[in-house]
């Protein structure tokens, strides 16, 4: 595995900060709020790629686990992480890695990027829904009705926005870093 250099550490730090700022913003519509965490996870995947976005999400989860209010609704702590919706939080980790892998592997192919990001979302939904079902002692359809179906359209919009913003930022960063490298 390639070492993480100063540039990567800085970009990971910026993405963690963005997750910590935007993650708490949420609209409570039931047991699971609409939040921007999925958007920031996809954005990190797009800008950082698979492994580094996984590191960013892991740091974000650890910050929340120690009690800082970075999760939806400005909450934090282990109770939130292992609570009924904690599976979705944990699910952001494989989502970031899968989505980032597809973005890097198929950078010029939007369709494959979307497929990878949707696959990441399905993994996150699956992990979170199973976790919710077990903790809340509910069936699959009832859990999906509470935790997934109300969010699909919001998440498709977040995915599209993450691709637009992510491509713009990644292109700008690439050009800045290439110019900086040429001047050095």
N, C-alpha and C. Protein backbone atom coordinates (compact mmCIF):
# COMPACT_ATOMS: atom_id res chain seq x y z
N UNK A 1 0.84 -1.19 0.00
CA UNK A 1 0.00 0.00 0.00
C UNK A 1 0.88 1.24 0.00
N UNK A 2 0.52 2.20 -0.84
CA UNK A 2 1.25 3.46 -0.94
C UNK A 2 1.11 4.25 0.37
N UNK A 3 2.21 4.87 0.77
CA UNK A 3 2.16 5.71 1.96
C UNK A 3 1.28 6.93 1.70
N UNK A 4 0.65 7.41 2.76
CA UNK A 4 -0.14 8.62 2.66
C UNK A 4 0.80 9.80 2.87
N UNK A 5 0.88 10.69 1.87
CA UNK A 5 1.77 11.84 1.98
C UNK A 5 1.04 13.04 2.59
N UNK A 6 1.75 14.15 2.72
CA UNK A 6 1.20 15.36 3.36
C UNK A 6 -0.03 15.85 2.60
N UNK A 7 0.02 15.84 1.28
CA UNK A 7 -1.12 16.28 0.47
C UNK A 7 -2.34 15.42 0.77
N UNK A 8 -2.14 14.10 0.82
CA UNK A 8 -3.25 13.19 1.12
C UNK A 8 -3.79 13.43 2.53
N UNK A 9 -2.88 13.62 3.49
CA UNK A 9 -3.33 13.88 4.87
C UNK A 9 -4.17 15.16 4.93
N UNK A 10 -3.74 16.18 4.20
CA UNK A 10 -4.48 17.44 4.19
C UNK A 10 -5.86 17.25 3.57
N UNK A 11 -5.92 16.54 2.45
CA UNK A 11 -7.21 16.31 1.79
C UNK A 11 -8.13 15.45 2.65
N UNK A 12 -7.57 14.44 3.30
CA UNK A 12 -8.36 13.62 4.22
C UNK A 12 -8.88 14.49 5.36
N UNK A 13 -8.02 15.34 5.90
CA UNK A 13 -8.44 16.24 6.98
C UNK A 13 -9.55 17.18 6.57
N UNK A 14 -9.46 17.71 5.37
CA UNK A 14 -10.52 18.60 4.86
C UNK A 14 -11.82 17.84 4.71
N UNK A 15 -11.76 16.62 4.19
CA UNK A 15 -12.99 15.84 4.02
C UNK A 15 -13.59 15.44 5.37
N UNK A 16 -12.75 15.10 6.34
CA UNK A 16 -13.25 14.80 7.69
C UNK A 16 -13.93 16.03 8.27
N UNK A 17 -13.30 17.19 8.12
CA UNK A 17 -13.89 18.43 8.63
C UNK A 17 -15.23 18.70 7.97
N UNK A 18 -15.32 18.47 6.66
CA UNK A 18 -16.58 18.67 5.95
C UNK A 18 -17.65 17.72 6.47
N UNK A 19 -17.26 16.45 6.71
CA UNK A 19 -18.21 15.49 7.28
C UNK A 19 -18.69 15.94 8.65
N UNK A 20 -17.77 16.45 9.45
CA UNK A 20 -18.11 16.88 10.81
C UNK A 20 -18.99 18.12 10.81
N UNK A 21 -18.87 18.97 9.80
CA UNK A 21 -19.69 20.18 9.72
C UNK A 21 -21.06 19.87 9.10
N UNK A 22 -21.08 19.10 8.02
CA UNK A 22 -22.34 18.83 7.33
C UNK A 22 -23.11 17.63 7.89
N UNK A 23 -22.41 16.68 8.50
CA UNK A 23 -23.06 15.48 9.06
C UNK A 23 -24.15 15.78 10.08
N UNK A 24 -23.94 16.73 10.98
CA UNK A 24 -24.98 17.02 11.99
C UNK A 24 -26.24 17.67 11.42
N UNK A 25 -26.13 18.28 10.24
CA UNK A 25 -27.29 18.92 9.63
C UNK A 25 -28.25 17.84 9.16
N UNK A 26 -29.44 17.86 9.69
CA UNK A 26 -30.39 16.82 9.33
C UNK A 26 -31.82 17.30 9.50
N UNK A 27 -32.70 16.59 8.81
CA UNK A 27 -34.13 16.84 8.92
C UNK A 27 -34.75 15.57 9.49
N UNK A 28 -35.25 15.62 10.74
CA UNK A 28 -35.84 14.42 11.32
C UNK A 28 -37.20 14.13 10.68
N UNK A 29 -37.29 12.97 10.01
CA UNK A 29 -38.56 12.60 9.39
C UNK A 29 -39.05 11.25 9.91
N UNK A 30 -38.44 10.77 10.95
CA UNK A 30 -38.81 9.48 11.53
C UNK A 30 -37.64 8.92 12.30
N UNK A 31 -37.54 7.61 12.32
CA UNK A 31 -36.47 6.95 13.07
C UNK A 31 -35.10 7.27 12.50
N UNK A 32 -35.04 7.54 11.20
CA UNK A 32 -33.78 7.84 10.53
C UNK A 32 -33.92 9.21 9.88
N UNK A 33 -33.07 10.17 10.24
CA UNK A 33 -33.20 11.51 9.66
C UNK A 33 -32.57 11.60 8.27
N UNK A 34 -33.01 12.60 7.50
CA UNK A 34 -32.35 12.93 6.24
C UNK A 34 -31.14 13.77 6.63
N UNK A 35 -29.95 13.30 6.27
CA UNK A 35 -28.75 14.04 6.61
C UNK A 35 -27.86 14.18 5.38
N UNK A 36 -26.80 14.92 5.53
CA UNK A 36 -25.86 15.11 4.42
C UNK A 36 -24.66 14.18 4.51
N UNK A 37 -24.69 13.22 5.43
CA UNK A 37 -23.55 12.32 5.60
C UNK A 37 -23.32 11.46 4.37
N UNK A 38 -24.37 10.98 3.74
CA UNK A 38 -24.20 10.18 2.54
C UNK A 38 -23.56 11.02 1.43
N UNK A 39 -24.00 12.28 1.31
CA UNK A 39 -23.41 13.19 0.32
C UNK A 39 -21.92 13.38 0.59
N UNK A 40 -21.56 13.66 1.84
CA UNK A 40 -20.14 13.91 2.14
C UNK A 40 -19.31 12.64 1.98
N UNK A 41 -19.91 11.49 2.22
CA UNK A 41 -19.19 10.23 2.01
C UNK A 41 -18.92 10.03 0.53
N UNK A 42 -19.92 10.27 -0.32
CA UNK A 42 -19.71 10.16 -1.76
C UNK A 42 -18.71 11.21 -2.25
N UNK A 43 -18.80 12.40 -1.70
CA UNK A 43 -17.87 13.46 -2.09
C UNK A 43 -16.44 13.07 -1.75
N UNK A 44 -16.25 12.52 -0.55
CA UNK A 44 -14.92 12.04 -0.15
C UNK A 44 -14.45 10.94 -1.08
N UNK A 45 -15.34 10.02 -1.43
CA UNK A 45 -14.99 8.93 -2.34
C UNK A 45 -14.56 9.48 -3.69
N UNK A 46 -15.26 10.49 -4.16
CA UNK A 46 -14.95 11.06 -5.46
C UNK A 46 -13.62 11.81 -5.46
N UNK A 47 -13.37 12.54 -4.39
CA UNK A 47 -12.15 13.36 -4.33
C UNK A 47 -10.94 12.54 -3.92
N UNK A 48 -11.12 11.62 -2.98
CA UNK A 48 -9.99 10.89 -2.39
C UNK A 48 -9.77 9.50 -2.99
N UNK A 49 -10.79 8.89 -3.54
CA UNK A 49 -10.68 7.50 -3.97
C UNK A 49 -11.05 6.56 -2.82
N UNK A 50 -10.93 5.27 -3.06
CA UNK A 50 -11.43 4.26 -2.13
C UNK A 50 -10.77 4.21 -0.77
N UNK A 51 -9.47 3.94 -0.74
CA UNK A 51 -8.79 3.73 0.54
C UNK A 51 -8.77 5.00 1.38
N UNK A 52 -8.42 6.12 0.76
CA UNK A 52 -8.32 7.38 1.51
C UNK A 52 -9.68 7.87 1.99
N UNK A 53 -10.73 7.65 1.20
CA UNK A 53 -12.06 8.04 1.68
C UNK A 53 -12.48 7.13 2.82
N UNK A 54 -12.05 5.87 2.78
CA UNK A 54 -12.31 4.96 3.90
C UNK A 54 -11.64 5.46 5.17
N UNK A 55 -10.41 5.96 5.04
CA UNK A 55 -9.69 6.53 6.19
C UNK A 55 -10.46 7.74 6.72
N UNK A 56 -10.93 8.61 5.81
CA UNK A 56 -11.67 9.81 6.23
C UNK A 56 -12.95 9.43 6.99
N UNK A 57 -13.69 8.46 6.48
CA UNK A 57 -14.93 8.04 7.15
C UNK A 57 -14.61 7.40 8.50
N UNK A 58 -13.56 6.60 8.56
CA UNK A 58 -13.17 5.98 9.83
C UNK A 58 -12.83 7.05 10.87
N UNK A 59 -12.09 8.07 10.48
CA UNK A 59 -11.76 9.16 11.41
C UNK A 59 -13.03 9.87 11.86
N UNK A 60 -13.93 10.13 10.92
CA UNK A 60 -15.21 10.76 11.24
C UNK A 60 -15.99 9.93 12.27
N UNK A 61 -16.05 8.62 12.04
CA UNK A 61 -16.77 7.73 12.97
C UNK A 61 -16.11 7.72 14.35
N UNK A 62 -14.79 7.73 14.39
CA UNK A 62 -14.08 7.75 15.67
C UNK A 62 -14.32 9.06 16.41
N UNK A 63 -14.33 10.17 15.68
CA UNK A 63 -14.62 11.48 16.29
C UNK A 63 -16.02 11.45 16.91
N UNK A 64 -16.98 10.90 16.18
CA UNK A 64 -18.34 10.79 16.71
C UNK A 64 -18.43 9.82 17.87
N UNK A 65 -17.67 8.73 17.79
CA UNK A 65 -17.71 7.70 18.84
C UNK A 65 -17.23 8.24 20.18
N UNK A 66 -16.27 9.17 20.16
CA UNK A 66 -15.77 9.71 21.43
C UNK A 66 -16.70 10.78 22.01
N UNK A 67 -17.77 11.09 21.28
CA UNK A 67 -18.78 11.96 21.86
C UNK A 67 -18.95 13.32 21.21
N UNK A 68 -18.10 13.67 20.25
CA UNK A 68 -18.30 14.96 19.59
C UNK A 68 -19.57 14.89 18.74
N UNK A 69 -20.35 15.97 18.71
CA UNK A 69 -21.66 15.94 18.05
C UNK A 69 -21.59 16.08 16.53
N UNK A 70 -21.05 15.08 15.86
CA UNK A 70 -20.84 15.13 14.41
C UNK A 70 -21.83 14.26 13.63
N UNK A 71 -22.64 13.50 14.33
CA UNK A 71 -23.63 12.66 13.65
C UNK A 71 -24.92 13.47 13.46
N UNK A 72 -25.87 12.92 12.74
CA UNK A 72 -27.10 13.64 12.45
C UNK A 72 -27.75 14.16 13.72
N UNK A 73 -28.34 15.34 13.61
CA UNK A 73 -28.98 15.95 14.76
C UNK A 73 -27.99 16.44 15.80
N UNK A 74 -26.73 16.62 15.40
CA UNK A 74 -25.67 17.08 16.31
C UNK A 74 -25.54 16.15 17.51
N UNK A 75 -25.50 14.84 17.24
CA UNK A 75 -25.32 13.85 18.28
C UNK A 75 -23.97 13.17 18.11
N UNK A 76 -23.57 12.47 19.12
CA UNK A 76 -22.33 11.71 19.07
C UNK A 76 -22.32 10.72 20.22
N UNK A 77 -21.25 9.96 20.29
CA UNK A 77 -21.10 8.98 21.36
C UNK A 77 -21.31 7.56 20.89
N UNK A 78 -20.82 6.64 21.70
CA UNK A 78 -20.94 5.22 21.36
C UNK A 78 -22.39 4.77 21.29
N UNK A 79 -23.24 5.35 22.13
CA UNK A 79 -24.65 4.95 22.12
C UNK A 79 -25.28 5.20 20.75
N UNK A 80 -24.94 6.30 20.11
CA UNK A 80 -25.46 6.60 18.77
C UNK A 80 -24.87 5.62 17.75
N UNK A 81 -23.60 5.33 17.91
CA UNK A 81 -22.92 4.45 16.95
C UNK A 81 -23.41 3.01 17.03
N UNK A 82 -23.80 2.56 18.21
CA UNK A 82 -24.29 1.18 18.35
C UNK A 82 -25.81 1.12 18.49
N UNK A 83 -26.47 2.29 18.36
CA UNK A 83 -27.92 2.34 18.46
C UNK A 83 -28.59 1.87 17.18
N UNK A 84 -29.89 2.07 17.11
CA UNK A 84 -30.71 1.55 16.02
C UNK A 84 -30.24 2.00 14.64
N UNK A 85 -29.75 3.22 14.51
CA UNK A 85 -29.30 3.72 13.21
C UNK A 85 -27.78 3.66 13.05
N UNK A 86 -27.10 3.11 14.02
CA UNK A 86 -25.64 3.01 13.95
C UNK A 86 -25.13 2.16 12.80
N UNK A 87 -25.92 1.21 12.36
CA UNK A 87 -25.51 0.38 11.23
C UNK A 87 -25.34 1.18 9.95
N UNK A 88 -26.14 2.22 9.81
CA UNK A 88 -25.99 3.08 8.63
C UNK A 88 -24.70 3.87 8.74
N UNK A 89 -24.40 4.34 9.95
CA UNK A 89 -23.12 5.06 10.15
C UNK A 89 -21.94 4.16 9.82
N UNK A 90 -21.95 2.95 10.35
CA UNK A 90 -20.87 1.99 10.07
C UNK A 90 -20.86 1.65 8.57
N UNK A 91 -22.03 1.59 7.96
CA UNK A 91 -22.15 1.27 6.53
C UNK A 91 -21.51 2.31 5.62
N UNK A 92 -21.30 3.53 6.14
CA UNK A 92 -20.63 4.54 5.32
C UNK A 92 -19.19 4.15 5.01
N UNK A 93 -18.58 3.34 5.86
CA UNK A 93 -17.19 2.94 5.63
C UNK A 93 -17.06 2.08 4.37
N UNK A 94 -17.76 0.95 4.25
CA UNK A 94 -17.65 0.21 2.99
C UNK A 94 -18.20 0.98 1.79
N UNK A 95 -19.20 1.83 2.04
CA UNK A 95 -19.75 2.65 0.96
C UNK A 95 -18.67 3.55 0.36
N UNK A 96 -17.89 4.19 1.23
CA UNK A 96 -16.82 5.08 0.76
C UNK A 96 -15.77 4.30 -0.03
N UNK A 97 -15.39 3.15 0.48
CA UNK A 97 -14.34 2.35 -0.17
C UNK A 97 -14.81 1.85 -1.53
N UNK A 98 -16.02 1.32 -1.59
CA UNK A 98 -16.57 0.80 -2.85
C UNK A 98 -16.75 1.93 -3.86
N UNK A 99 -17.38 3.01 -3.42
CA UNK A 99 -17.64 4.14 -4.32
C UNK A 99 -16.33 4.73 -4.83
N UNK A 100 -15.38 4.94 -3.93
CA UNK A 100 -14.09 5.51 -4.33
C UNK A 100 -13.31 4.61 -5.27
N UNK A 101 -13.42 3.30 -5.07
CA UNK A 101 -12.76 2.36 -5.98
C UNK A 101 -13.31 2.54 -7.40
N UNK A 102 -14.63 2.59 -7.53
CA UNK A 102 -15.25 2.73 -8.84
C UNK A 102 -14.92 4.08 -9.48
N UNK A 103 -14.88 5.14 -8.68
CA UNK A 103 -14.53 6.46 -9.23
C UNK A 103 -13.11 6.42 -9.80
N UNK A 104 -12.17 5.86 -9.04
CA UNK A 104 -10.79 5.81 -9.52
C UNK A 104 -10.63 4.87 -10.71
N UNK A 105 -11.23 3.71 -10.64
CA UNK A 105 -11.07 2.69 -11.68
C UNK A 105 -11.72 3.13 -12.99
N UNK A 106 -12.85 3.83 -12.89
CA UNK A 106 -13.63 4.20 -14.08
C UNK A 106 -13.82 5.71 -14.15
N UNK A 107 -12.74 6.47 -13.98
CA UNK A 107 -12.85 7.93 -13.87
C UNK A 107 -13.49 8.57 -15.10
N UNK A 108 -13.28 8.03 -16.24
CA UNK A 108 -13.84 8.63 -17.46
C UNK A 108 -15.21 8.04 -17.83
N UNK A 109 -15.70 7.12 -17.03
CA UNK A 109 -16.95 6.44 -17.35
C UNK A 109 -17.99 6.75 -16.25
N UNK A 110 -18.83 7.75 -16.53
CA UNK A 110 -19.84 8.16 -15.54
C UNK A 110 -20.78 7.02 -15.16
N UNK A 111 -21.17 6.23 -16.13
CA UNK A 111 -22.11 5.14 -15.84
C UNK A 111 -21.53 4.18 -14.81
N UNK A 112 -20.27 3.81 -14.98
CA UNK A 112 -19.64 2.90 -14.02
C UNK A 112 -19.46 3.57 -12.65
N UNK A 113 -19.19 4.86 -12.65
CA UNK A 113 -19.09 5.58 -11.37
C UNK A 113 -20.43 5.54 -10.63
N UNK A 114 -21.49 5.80 -11.36
CA UNK A 114 -22.83 5.77 -10.76
C UNK A 114 -23.14 4.36 -10.26
N UNK A 115 -22.81 3.35 -11.04
CA UNK A 115 -23.04 1.96 -10.61
C UNK A 115 -22.27 1.68 -9.32
N UNK A 116 -21.01 2.10 -9.26
CA UNK A 116 -20.21 1.89 -8.05
C UNK A 116 -20.76 2.63 -6.85
N UNK A 117 -21.21 3.85 -7.07
CA UNK A 117 -21.76 4.63 -5.97
C UNK A 117 -23.09 4.04 -5.50
N UNK A 118 -23.89 3.56 -6.45
CA UNK A 118 -25.15 2.89 -6.07
C UNK A 118 -24.86 1.59 -5.33
N UNK A 119 -23.86 0.86 -5.78
CA UNK A 119 -23.47 -0.37 -5.08
C UNK A 119 -23.05 -0.04 -3.65
N UNK A 120 -22.27 1.01 -3.47
CA UNK A 120 -21.88 1.44 -2.13
C UNK A 120 -23.09 1.78 -1.28
N UNK A 121 -24.07 2.47 -1.90
CA UNK A 121 -25.29 2.82 -1.17
C UNK A 121 -26.06 1.57 -0.77
N UNK A 122 -26.15 0.60 -1.67
CA UNK A 122 -26.86 -0.65 -1.36
C UNK A 122 -26.18 -1.37 -0.20
N UNK A 123 -24.86 -1.39 -0.18
CA UNK A 123 -24.13 -2.02 0.93
C UNK A 123 -24.43 -1.29 2.23
N UNK A 124 -24.41 0.04 2.19
CA UNK A 124 -24.71 0.84 3.38
C UNK A 124 -26.15 0.58 3.85
N UNK A 125 -27.10 0.62 2.91
CA UNK A 125 -28.50 0.35 3.25
C UNK A 125 -28.66 -1.06 3.82
N UNK A 126 -27.99 -2.03 3.22
CA UNK A 126 -28.11 -3.42 3.67
C UNK A 126 -27.59 -3.56 5.09
N UNK A 127 -26.38 -3.07 5.32
CA UNK A 127 -25.78 -3.16 6.65
C UNK A 127 -26.65 -2.46 7.68
N UNK A 128 -27.06 -1.23 7.36
CA UNK A 128 -27.87 -0.46 8.30
C UNK A 128 -29.23 -1.06 8.57
N UNK A 129 -29.86 -1.60 7.53
CA UNK A 129 -31.20 -2.17 7.69
C UNK A 129 -31.15 -3.45 8.51
N UNK A 130 -30.17 -4.29 8.25
CA UNK A 130 -30.04 -5.52 9.05
C UNK A 130 -29.80 -5.16 10.51
N UNK A 131 -28.91 -4.21 10.74
CA UNK A 131 -28.62 -3.73 12.11
C UNK A 131 -29.91 -3.24 12.77
N UNK A 132 -30.66 -2.40 12.05
CA UNK A 132 -31.92 -1.85 12.56
C UNK A 132 -32.92 -2.96 12.88
N UNK A 133 -33.05 -3.93 11.96
CA UNK A 133 -33.99 -5.04 12.16
C UNK A 133 -33.66 -5.81 13.43
N UNK A 134 -32.39 -6.09 13.64
CA UNK A 134 -31.98 -6.86 14.81
C UNK A 134 -32.24 -6.08 16.09
N UNK A 135 -31.80 -4.82 16.12
CA UNK A 135 -31.95 -4.03 17.35
C UNK A 135 -33.39 -3.67 17.66
N UNK A 136 -34.18 -3.43 16.62
CA UNK A 136 -35.57 -3.01 16.84
C UNK A 136 -36.55 -4.17 16.77
N UNK A 137 -36.04 -5.38 16.50
CA UNK A 137 -36.88 -6.57 16.39
C UNK A 137 -38.03 -6.36 15.41
N UNK A 138 -37.68 -5.91 14.21
CA UNK A 138 -38.67 -5.65 13.16
C UNK A 138 -38.38 -6.51 11.95
N UNK A 139 -39.38 -6.68 11.12
CA UNK A 139 -39.23 -7.42 9.88
C UNK A 139 -38.59 -6.57 8.79
N UNK A 140 -38.26 -7.23 7.70
CA UNK A 140 -37.57 -6.56 6.59
C UNK A 140 -38.41 -5.45 5.98
N UNK A 141 -39.63 -5.72 5.60
CA UNK A 141 -40.44 -4.70 4.91
C UNK A 141 -40.73 -3.50 5.80
N UNK A 142 -41.00 -3.77 7.06
CA UNK A 142 -41.26 -2.67 8.00
C UNK A 142 -40.00 -1.81 8.17
N UNK A 143 -38.84 -2.46 8.27
CA UNK A 143 -37.58 -1.74 8.41
C UNK A 143 -37.26 -0.93 7.15
N UNK A 144 -37.49 -1.53 5.98
CA UNK A 144 -37.26 -0.81 4.73
C UNK A 144 -38.19 0.40 4.61
N UNK A 145 -39.43 0.23 5.06
CA UNK A 145 -40.40 1.33 5.00
C UNK A 145 -40.00 2.49 5.89
N UNK A 146 -39.33 2.18 6.98
CA UNK A 146 -38.90 3.21 7.92
C UNK A 146 -37.54 3.80 7.53
N UNK A 147 -36.62 2.95 7.12
CA UNK A 147 -35.21 3.35 7.00
C UNK A 147 -34.69 3.54 5.58
N UNK A 148 -35.38 3.05 4.58
CA UNK A 148 -34.82 3.11 3.23
C UNK A 148 -35.75 3.84 2.26
N UNK A 149 -36.97 3.36 2.10
CA UNK A 149 -37.86 3.90 1.08
C UNK A 149 -38.04 5.42 1.14
N UNK A 150 -38.17 6.02 2.33
CA UNK A 150 -38.35 7.48 2.37
C UNK A 150 -37.12 8.27 1.91
N UNK A 151 -35.97 7.61 1.81
CA UNK A 151 -34.71 8.32 1.56
C UNK A 151 -34.14 8.14 0.16
N UNK A 152 -34.70 7.22 -0.60
CA UNK A 152 -34.09 6.89 -1.90
C UNK A 152 -34.01 8.09 -2.83
N UNK A 153 -35.07 8.85 -2.97
CA UNK A 153 -35.03 10.01 -3.87
C UNK A 153 -34.03 11.06 -3.38
N UNK A 154 -34.01 11.31 -2.08
CA UNK A 154 -33.02 12.24 -1.52
C UNK A 154 -31.60 11.76 -1.83
N UNK A 155 -31.39 10.46 -1.68
CA UNK A 155 -30.05 9.92 -1.90
C UNK A 155 -29.64 9.94 -3.37
N UNK A 156 -30.58 9.76 -4.28
CA UNK A 156 -30.25 9.90 -5.70
C UNK A 156 -29.83 11.33 -6.00
N UNK A 157 -30.52 12.30 -5.41
CA UNK A 157 -30.16 13.71 -5.60
C UNK A 157 -28.77 13.98 -5.02
N UNK A 158 -28.49 13.43 -3.84
CA UNK A 158 -27.16 13.61 -3.22
C UNK A 158 -26.08 12.98 -4.08
N UNK A 159 -26.37 11.82 -4.67
CA UNK A 159 -25.39 11.15 -5.54
C UNK A 159 -25.07 12.03 -6.75
N UNK A 160 -26.09 12.56 -7.40
CA UNK A 160 -25.87 13.42 -8.57
C UNK A 160 -25.07 14.66 -8.18
N UNK A 161 -25.43 15.27 -7.07
CA UNK A 161 -24.73 16.47 -6.62
C UNK A 161 -23.28 16.15 -6.25
N UNK A 162 -23.06 15.00 -5.63
CA UNK A 162 -21.69 14.59 -5.26
C UNK A 162 -20.82 14.38 -6.50
N UNK A 163 -21.40 13.83 -7.55
CA UNK A 163 -20.63 13.64 -8.79
C UNK A 163 -20.28 15.00 -9.40
N UNK A 164 -21.24 15.91 -9.45
CA UNK A 164 -21.00 17.23 -10.03
C UNK A 164 -19.94 17.98 -9.22
N UNK A 165 -20.14 18.07 -7.92
CA UNK A 165 -19.20 18.80 -7.07
C UNK A 165 -17.86 18.07 -7.01
N UNK A 166 -17.91 16.74 -6.86
CA UNK A 166 -16.68 15.95 -6.75
C UNK A 166 -15.81 16.07 -7.97
N UNK A 167 -16.40 15.97 -9.16
CA UNK A 167 -15.61 16.08 -10.40
C UNK A 167 -15.01 17.48 -10.51
N UNK A 168 -15.78 18.50 -10.18
CA UNK A 168 -15.29 19.87 -10.25
C UNK A 168 -14.12 20.08 -9.30
N UNK A 169 -14.28 19.64 -8.07
CA UNK A 169 -13.22 19.82 -7.07
C UNK A 169 -11.99 18.99 -7.43
N UNK A 170 -12.20 17.74 -7.82
CA UNK A 170 -11.08 16.87 -8.16
C UNK A 170 -10.28 17.42 -9.35
N UNK A 171 -10.99 17.93 -10.36
CA UNK A 171 -10.32 18.53 -11.52
C UNK A 171 -9.53 19.76 -11.10
N UNK A 172 -10.14 20.62 -10.27
CA UNK A 172 -9.45 21.82 -9.80
C UNK A 172 -8.24 21.46 -8.97
N UNK A 173 -8.39 20.50 -8.07
CA UNK A 173 -7.25 20.07 -7.24
C UNK A 173 -6.13 19.50 -8.10
N UNK A 174 -6.50 18.71 -9.08
CA UNK A 174 -5.50 18.10 -9.97
C UNK A 174 -4.71 19.18 -10.68
N UNK A 175 -5.40 20.20 -11.20
CA UNK A 175 -4.70 21.26 -11.88
C UNK A 175 -3.83 22.08 -10.95
N UNK A 176 -4.33 22.40 -9.77
CA UNK A 176 -3.54 23.16 -8.79
C UNK A 176 -2.31 22.37 -8.38
N UNK A 177 -2.48 21.09 -8.10
CA UNK A 177 -1.36 20.28 -7.65
C UNK A 177 -0.33 20.07 -8.76
N UNK A 178 -0.78 19.98 -10.01
CA UNK A 178 0.16 19.84 -11.13
C UNK A 178 0.93 21.14 -11.33
N UNK A 179 0.25 22.28 -11.23
CA UNK A 179 0.93 23.56 -11.36
C UNK A 179 1.92 23.76 -10.23
N UNK A 180 1.51 23.38 -9.02
CA UNK A 180 2.40 23.50 -7.86
C UNK A 180 3.63 22.61 -8.01
N UNK A 181 3.43 21.41 -8.56
CA UNK A 181 4.54 20.48 -8.78
C UNK A 181 5.48 20.99 -9.85
N UNK A 182 4.94 21.65 -10.89
CA UNK A 182 5.78 22.17 -11.98
C UNK A 182 6.59 23.36 -11.53
N UNK A 183 6.03 24.16 -10.59
CA UNK A 183 6.74 25.35 -10.10
C UNK A 183 7.84 24.98 -9.13
N UNK A 184 7.73 23.82 -8.49
CA UNK A 184 8.71 23.47 -7.47
C UNK A 184 10.03 23.02 -8.05
